[in-house]
Amino acid sequence: MTKLLKYISVTTLFLASLVLHAGETATFLPESRLVPGGVAVIKVGEGKKRPVVTYKGRKILVTKNGDKWFAVAGISLYDKPGKKYLKYANRKKSISFVVKSKKYKEQHITLKTNKHVNLSKKDLSRHKGEKKRSGQALTRWSESGQPDLKLLQPVEGRYSSPFGLKRFFNGQPRRPHSGLDIAAPKGSPIVAPANGTVMIASNFFFNGNTIYIDHGYGLVTMYCHMEKLSVKEGDTVKKGQLIGLVGTTGRSTGPHLHWGVALNGSMVDPLIFIESGEEK
C-alpha cells in the first residue's frame, strides 16, 4: 500500500511538472516574416530577466516562450531590403537579420468627389493635426502585464483590401495600404483583439470614427471608418469586449473596418497575429 501511494505521488508530481512545462511553452509567437510590413521573431536570451532590445533606435517587444526570450520587431513598409540589426541596450552586442524584398499589388479606387484627394486648406490643417496625434499613439511604449500576440479578429467579414497595397485614389498615387480592410454589414460589432487601454476615440478626416488601443510593449491597434464608438479615451478594455460598430465614415466607399496593427511604431500585416494567418 505504501509503495502504491509513493508511486501515485511521484506520478502526480511528474504529470504536474508536464502540465506546468506545457503552460510555459504555450505562448503564441507569430511567424517570422522578414519583409517590409512583416515581423522579425528572433531569440535574444534565456533566464528570468527580460532583455532590453532595440531596432532602429526604438525599444521592441520581447516575450518569453518556455525558458527563452524572443524579440518581435515590426518591419516598416518603407524599410529597404538588406541586413538589419537588433541591438541590446547597454551592450555592444547585436543580432543581424536580412529583410527580403516583397512586391505588393496595386489598387485603384474611385471616389465620388475629390474632397479626400485634393484637400482644402482647412481640411489639410485638420489632417496635419490628426496625423501628429496618430503618430504619437502608434509609437507609444508602455509596460504592463505580459504581451498577448495571439489577437482576435475584431470583426467577422471578408478581407476586401489586404495589407500593403499600392493605392491610387481617382488616379493619384497615395501611401501604401497600412492595414487590413474587412468588409461587413453596417452596424456589425467590433471587438478588442486583446486587453488594452483606449488612447484615442475620435473622428478623423480620412479615417472617420477611429479608435487606437495600446496593448503594451509597443503593440498598438487602430480601427477606422466606424459607425459608432462604444468606448472612450482612457477606458480599459478586455479581449473580446465590444468597442464599436462597423460603418463607412471618412474616406470610405462602403461599410468596412480598416484594422491596423503597429509594432515599435511600424505598421505591419494584421494577419500575422491571427493564428491562421491566411487571407479569406
Protein backbone atom coordinates (compact mmCIF):
# COMPACT_ATOMS: atom_id res chain seq x y z
CA MET A 1 0.00 0.00 0.00
CA THR A 2 2.86 2.34 0.95
CA LYS A 3 4.62 1.61 -2.35
CA LEU A 4 1.38 2.28 -4.25
CA LEU A 5 0.90 5.66 -2.53
CA LYS A 6 4.53 6.54 -3.23
CA TYR A 7 4.06 5.61 -6.92
CA ILE A 8 0.87 7.70 -7.18
CA SER A 9 2.60 10.64 -5.50
CA VAL A 10 5.62 10.53 -7.85
CA THR A 11 3.37 10.10 -10.89
CA THR A 12 1.21 13.04 -9.83
CA LEU A 13 4.26 15.28 -9.41
CA PHE A 14 5.59 14.17 -12.79
CA LEU A 15 2.28 14.92 -14.54
CA ALA A 16 2.05 18.27 -12.76
CA SER A 17 5.52 19.18 -14.00
CA LEU A 18 4.46 18.28 -17.54
CA VAL A 19 1.38 20.50 -17.27
CA LEU A 20 3.48 23.36 -15.89
CA HIS A 21 6.05 22.91 -18.65
CA ALA A 22 3.29 22.81 -21.28
CA GLY A 23 1.87 26.02 -19.84
CA GLU A 24 5.27 27.69 -20.06
CA THR A 25 5.73 26.73 -23.71
CA ALA A 26 2.18 27.61 -24.83
CA THR A 27 2.95 31.28 -25.51
CA PHE A 28 1.84 32.23 -29.02
CA LEU A 29 4.61 33.59 -31.24
CA PRO A 30 3.78 34.90 -34.72
CA GLU A 31 5.61 33.53 -37.73
CA SER A 32 8.71 35.49 -38.63
CA ARG A 33 8.20 37.27 -41.96
CA LEU A 34 11.35 39.16 -42.92
CA VAL A 35 9.83 41.51 -45.49
CA PRO A 36 8.64 45.14 -45.40
CA GLY A 37 5.40 45.10 -43.42
CA GLY A 38 6.36 41.86 -41.68
CA VAL A 39 7.92 41.00 -38.32
CA ALA A 40 11.27 39.63 -37.19
CA VAL A 41 10.92 36.99 -34.45
CA ILE A 42 14.38 36.32 -33.04
CA LYS A 43 15.69 34.57 -29.92
CA VAL A 44 17.51 37.12 -27.75
CA GLY A 45 18.24 35.31 -24.49
CA GLU A 46 17.35 32.92 -21.69
CA GLY A 47 16.75 33.17 -17.95
CA LYS A 48 14.44 35.16 -15.71
CA LYS A 49 15.30 38.73 -16.73
CA ARG A 50 13.68 40.20 -19.84
CA PRO A 51 16.40 41.56 -22.19
CA VAL A 52 16.01 45.14 -23.42
CA VAL A 53 16.41 45.21 -27.19
CA THR A 54 16.08 47.99 -29.78
CA TYR A 55 15.55 48.17 -33.53
CA LYS A 56 16.39 51.37 -35.39
CA GLY A 57 16.63 53.20 -32.07
CA ARG A 58 13.25 52.07 -30.70
CA LYS A 59 12.59 49.58 -27.92
CA ILE A 60 10.89 46.46 -29.20
CA LEU A 61 8.58 43.86 -27.73
CA VAL A 62 10.33 40.93 -26.03
CA THR A 63 8.26 37.97 -24.82
CA LYS A 64 9.05 34.67 -23.14
CA ASN A 65 8.40 31.27 -24.69
CA GLY A 66 9.34 28.45 -22.34
CA ASP A 67 12.69 29.47 -20.85
CA LYS A 68 13.72 31.58 -23.86
CA TRP A 69 13.15 35.25 -24.69
CA PHE A 70 12.16 36.28 -28.20
CA ALA A 71 12.20 39.75 -29.74
CA VAL A 72 9.26 40.54 -32.04
CA ALA A 73 10.16 43.57 -34.14
CA GLY A 74 7.91 45.31 -36.64
CA ILE A 75 9.48 45.93 -40.06
CA SER A 76 8.20 49.10 -41.75
CA LEU A 77 6.70 49.04 -45.23
CA TYR A 78 9.36 51.64 -46.04
CA ASP A 79 12.32 49.55 -44.83
CA LYS A 80 14.63 48.69 -47.70
CA PRO A 81 15.83 45.12 -48.23
CA GLY A 82 19.18 44.23 -46.69
CA LYS A 83 20.90 43.43 -43.41
CA LYS A 84 19.30 44.89 -40.27
CA TYR A 85 20.32 44.78 -36.62
CA LEU A 86 18.68 44.27 -33.25
CA LYS A 87 20.76 45.88 -30.52
CA TYR A 88 20.90 45.12 -26.81
CA ALA A 89 20.53 48.12 -24.50
CA ASN A 90 23.75 49.00 -22.64
CA ARG A 91 25.65 46.31 -24.52
CA LYS A 92 27.70 46.33 -27.69
CA LYS A 93 26.25 43.01 -28.83
CA SER A 94 23.81 42.95 -31.74
CA ILE A 95 21.92 40.34 -33.77
CA SER A 96 21.59 40.64 -37.53
CA PHE A 97 18.82 39.51 -39.86
CA VAL A 98 18.12 40.09 -43.53
CA VAL A 99 14.97 41.75 -44.88
CA LYS A 100 13.94 40.48 -48.30
CA SER A 101 12.01 42.46 -50.90
CA LYS A 102 8.28 41.97 -51.42
CA LYS A 103 6.15 43.30 -54.25
CA TYR A 104 2.63 44.32 -53.21
CA LYS A 105 -0.25 44.60 -55.67
CA GLU A 106 -1.83 47.85 -56.83
CA GLN A 107 -5.36 49.03 -56.04
CA HIS A 108 -7.20 51.78 -57.91
CA ILE A 109 -10.12 53.38 -56.05
CA THR A 110 -12.64 55.85 -57.49
CA LEU A 111 -14.19 58.33 -55.07
CA LYS A 112 -17.35 60.30 -55.88
CA THR A 113 -15.60 63.60 -55.12
CA ASN A 114 -12.03 64.83 -54.74
CA LYS A 115 -12.66 66.08 -51.17
CA HIS A 116 -10.42 63.35 -49.75
CA VAL A 117 -7.87 63.59 -52.60
CA ASN A 118 -7.20 67.30 -53.10
CA LEU A 119 -7.60 68.81 -49.64
CA SER A 120 -8.74 72.36 -48.92
CA LYS A 121 -6.53 74.49 -46.63
CA LYS A 122 -8.95 73.89 -43.77
CA ASP A 123 -9.03 70.12 -44.27
CA LEU A 124 -5.25 69.97 -44.74
CA SER A 125 -4.70 71.82 -41.48
CA ARG A 126 -7.04 69.43 -39.69
CA HIS A 127 -5.31 66.40 -41.22
CA LYS A 128 -1.86 67.59 -40.13
CA GLY A 129 -3.02 67.85 -36.52
CA GLU A 130 -4.63 64.41 -36.65
CA LYS A 131 -1.54 62.91 -38.29
CA LYS A 132 0.63 64.16 -35.43
CA ARG A 133 -1.77 62.75 -32.85
CA SER A 134 -1.88 59.42 -34.69
CA GLY A 135 1.91 59.25 -34.85
CA GLN A 136 2.17 59.77 -31.11
CA ALA A 137 -0.33 56.98 -30.46
CA LEU A 138 1.33 54.50 -32.83
CA THR A 139 4.75 54.97 -31.22
CA ARG A 140 3.54 54.71 -27.62
CA TRP A 141 5.51 52.46 -25.27
CA SER A 142 4.05 51.14 -22.03
CA GLU A 143 4.84 48.12 -19.86
CA SER A 144 2.03 46.30 -18.11
CA GLY A 145 1.45 42.57 -17.74
CA GLN A 146 2.59 40.17 -20.45
CA PRO A 147 2.34 40.79 -24.21
CA ASP A 148 -0.53 38.97 -25.93
CA LEU A 149 0.34 38.36 -29.58
CA LYS A 150 -2.50 35.97 -30.36
CA LEU A 151 -5.07 38.53 -31.48
CA LEU A 152 -8.75 38.04 -32.10
CA GLN A 153 -10.07 39.17 -35.46
CA PRO A 154 -12.07 42.28 -34.42
CA VAL A 155 -15.00 41.71 -36.79
CA GLU A 156 -16.31 38.85 -38.91
CA GLY A 157 -16.25 39.51 -42.63
CA ARG A 158 -14.49 39.25 -45.96
CA TYR A 159 -10.97 40.61 -46.39
CA SER A 160 -11.73 43.23 -49.03
CA SER A 161 -8.36 45.03 -49.22
CA PRO A 162 -5.22 43.29 -47.99
CA PHE A 163 -2.30 44.96 -46.26
CA GLY A 164 0.43 46.64 -48.32
CA LEU A 165 -1.49 47.53 -51.48
CA LYS A 166 -0.06 50.37 -53.56
CA ARG A 167 -3.08 52.70 -53.66
CA PHE A 168 -4.36 55.18 -56.20
CA PHE A 169 -7.36 57.43 -55.45
CA ASN A 170 -9.00 58.94 -58.53
CA GLY A 171 -5.82 58.14 -60.43
CA GLN A 172 -3.49 59.83 -57.93
CA PRO A 173 -0.87 57.72 -56.07
CA ARG A 174 -1.05 57.68 -52.27
CA ARG A 175 0.71 55.85 -49.45
CA PRO A 176 0.52 52.04 -49.32
CA HIS A 177 -2.42 50.48 -47.52
CA SER A 178 -1.13 50.11 -43.96
CA GLY A 179 -3.92 47.92 -42.60
CA LEU A 180 -6.42 45.19 -43.43
CA ASP A 181 -9.91 46.09 -44.67
CA ILE A 182 -12.66 43.73 -43.52
CA ALA A 183 -15.98 44.19 -45.32
CA ALA A 184 -19.01 43.71 -43.07
CA PRO A 185 -22.60 44.99 -42.88
CA LYS A 186 -23.10 48.40 -41.32
CA GLY A 187 -23.64 48.02 -37.57
CA SER A 188 -21.64 44.78 -37.22
CA PRO A 189 -19.95 44.51 -33.79
CA ILE A 190 -16.23 45.25 -33.48
CA VAL A 191 -14.34 43.77 -30.50
CA ALA A 192 -10.95 44.38 -28.91
CA PRO A 193 -8.44 41.75 -30.12
CA ALA A 194 -6.55 41.83 -26.79
CA ASN A 195 -6.55 43.61 -23.43
CA GLY A 196 -5.51 47.24 -23.58
CA THR A 197 -6.16 50.92 -22.94
CA VAL A 198 -8.01 53.22 -25.32
CA MET A 199 -5.73 56.11 -26.30
CA ILE A 200 -7.90 57.75 -28.96
CA ALA A 201 -11.64 57.55 -29.62
CA SER A 202 -12.42 60.38 -32.01
CA ASN A 203 -13.41 61.45 -35.53
CA PHE A 204 -10.63 61.88 -38.11
CA PHE A 205 -10.78 63.45 -41.57
CA PHE A 206 -9.55 60.43 -43.53
CA ASN A 207 -10.24 57.64 -41.04
CA GLY A 208 -13.68 58.71 -39.86
CA ASN A 209 -14.67 57.49 -36.39
CA THR A 210 -11.45 55.97 -35.10
CA ILE A 211 -10.08 54.11 -32.08
CA TYR A 212 -6.47 53.46 -31.06
CA ILE A 213 -5.73 50.85 -28.37
CA ASP A 214 -2.43 50.46 -26.51
CA HIS A 215 -1.75 46.78 -25.73
CA GLY A 216 1.67 47.37 -24.17
CA TYR A 217 5.30 46.90 -25.22
CA GLY A 218 4.88 48.83 -28.47
CA LEU A 219 1.85 46.86 -29.73
CA VAL A 220 -0.90 49.28 -30.82
CA THR A 221 -4.05 48.60 -32.85
CA MET A 222 -6.32 51.00 -34.73
CA TYR A 223 -9.90 50.81 -36.04
CA CYS A 224 -11.24 53.20 -38.68
CA HIS A 225 -14.46 54.21 -40.52
CA MET A 226 -16.65 53.10 -37.60
CA GLU A 227 -20.33 53.99 -37.36
CA LYS A 228 -20.34 54.13 -33.56
CA LEU A 229 -17.69 54.24 -30.83
CA SER A 230 -18.65 52.23 -27.73
CA VAL A 231 -15.62 53.22 -25.62
CA LYS A 232 -13.95 56.49 -24.68
CA GLU A 233 -10.36 57.63 -24.25
CA GLY A 234 -8.78 56.25 -21.09
CA ASP A 235 -11.05 53.19 -20.91
CA THR A 236 -9.51 49.80 -20.13
CA VAL A 237 -10.80 47.11 -22.48
CA LYS A 238 -10.74 43.33 -22.24
CA LYS A 239 -10.09 40.86 -25.04
CA GLY A 240 -13.36 40.29 -26.91
CA GLN A 241 -15.10 43.39 -25.48
CA LEU A 242 -17.33 45.43 -27.79
CA ILE A 243 -15.62 48.69 -28.81
CA GLY A 244 -17.88 49.89 -31.63
CA LEU A 245 -19.83 49.18 -34.82
CA VAL A 246 -18.84 48.92 -38.47
CA GLY A 247 -19.56 51.99 -40.60
CA THR A 248 -18.40 53.93 -43.63
CA THR A 249 -17.23 57.26 -42.18
CA GLY A 250 -14.27 59.24 -43.52
CA ARG A 251 -12.62 58.27 -46.83
CA SER A 252 -14.64 55.13 -47.46
CA THR A 253 -16.59 53.65 -50.35
CA GLY A 254 -18.71 51.24 -48.30
CA PRO A 255 -19.18 49.63 -44.87
CA HIS A 256 -15.97 48.03 -43.63
CA LEU A 257 -13.41 48.09 -40.85
CA HIS A 258 -9.88 49.25 -41.53
CA TRP A 259 -7.83 47.37 -38.93
CA GLY A 260 -4.25 48.45 -38.36
CA VAL A 261 -1.54 46.87 -36.19
CA ALA A 262 1.64 48.70 -35.22
CA LEU A 263 4.76 47.27 -33.58
CA ASN A 264 7.52 49.62 -32.39
CA GLY A 265 5.91 52.37 -34.49
CA SER A 266 5.79 50.35 -37.74
CA MET A 267 2.55 49.29 -39.38
CA VAL A 268 2.61 45.54 -40.03
CA ASP A 269 0.27 42.98 -41.56
CA PRO A 270 -2.51 42.19 -39.02
CA LEU A 271 -2.89 38.66 -40.40
CA ILE A 272 0.47 37.79 -38.83
CA PHE A 273 -1.17 37.91 -35.40
CA ILE A 274 -4.19 35.77 -36.23
CA GLU A 275 -3.32 32.13 -35.66
CA SER A 276 -4.43 31.01 -39.13
CA GLY A 277 -2.61 33.92 -40.76
CA GLU A 278 -4.45 33.31 -44.03
CA GLU A 279 -6.48 35.58 -46.28
CA LYS A 280 -10.19 34.88 -46.69
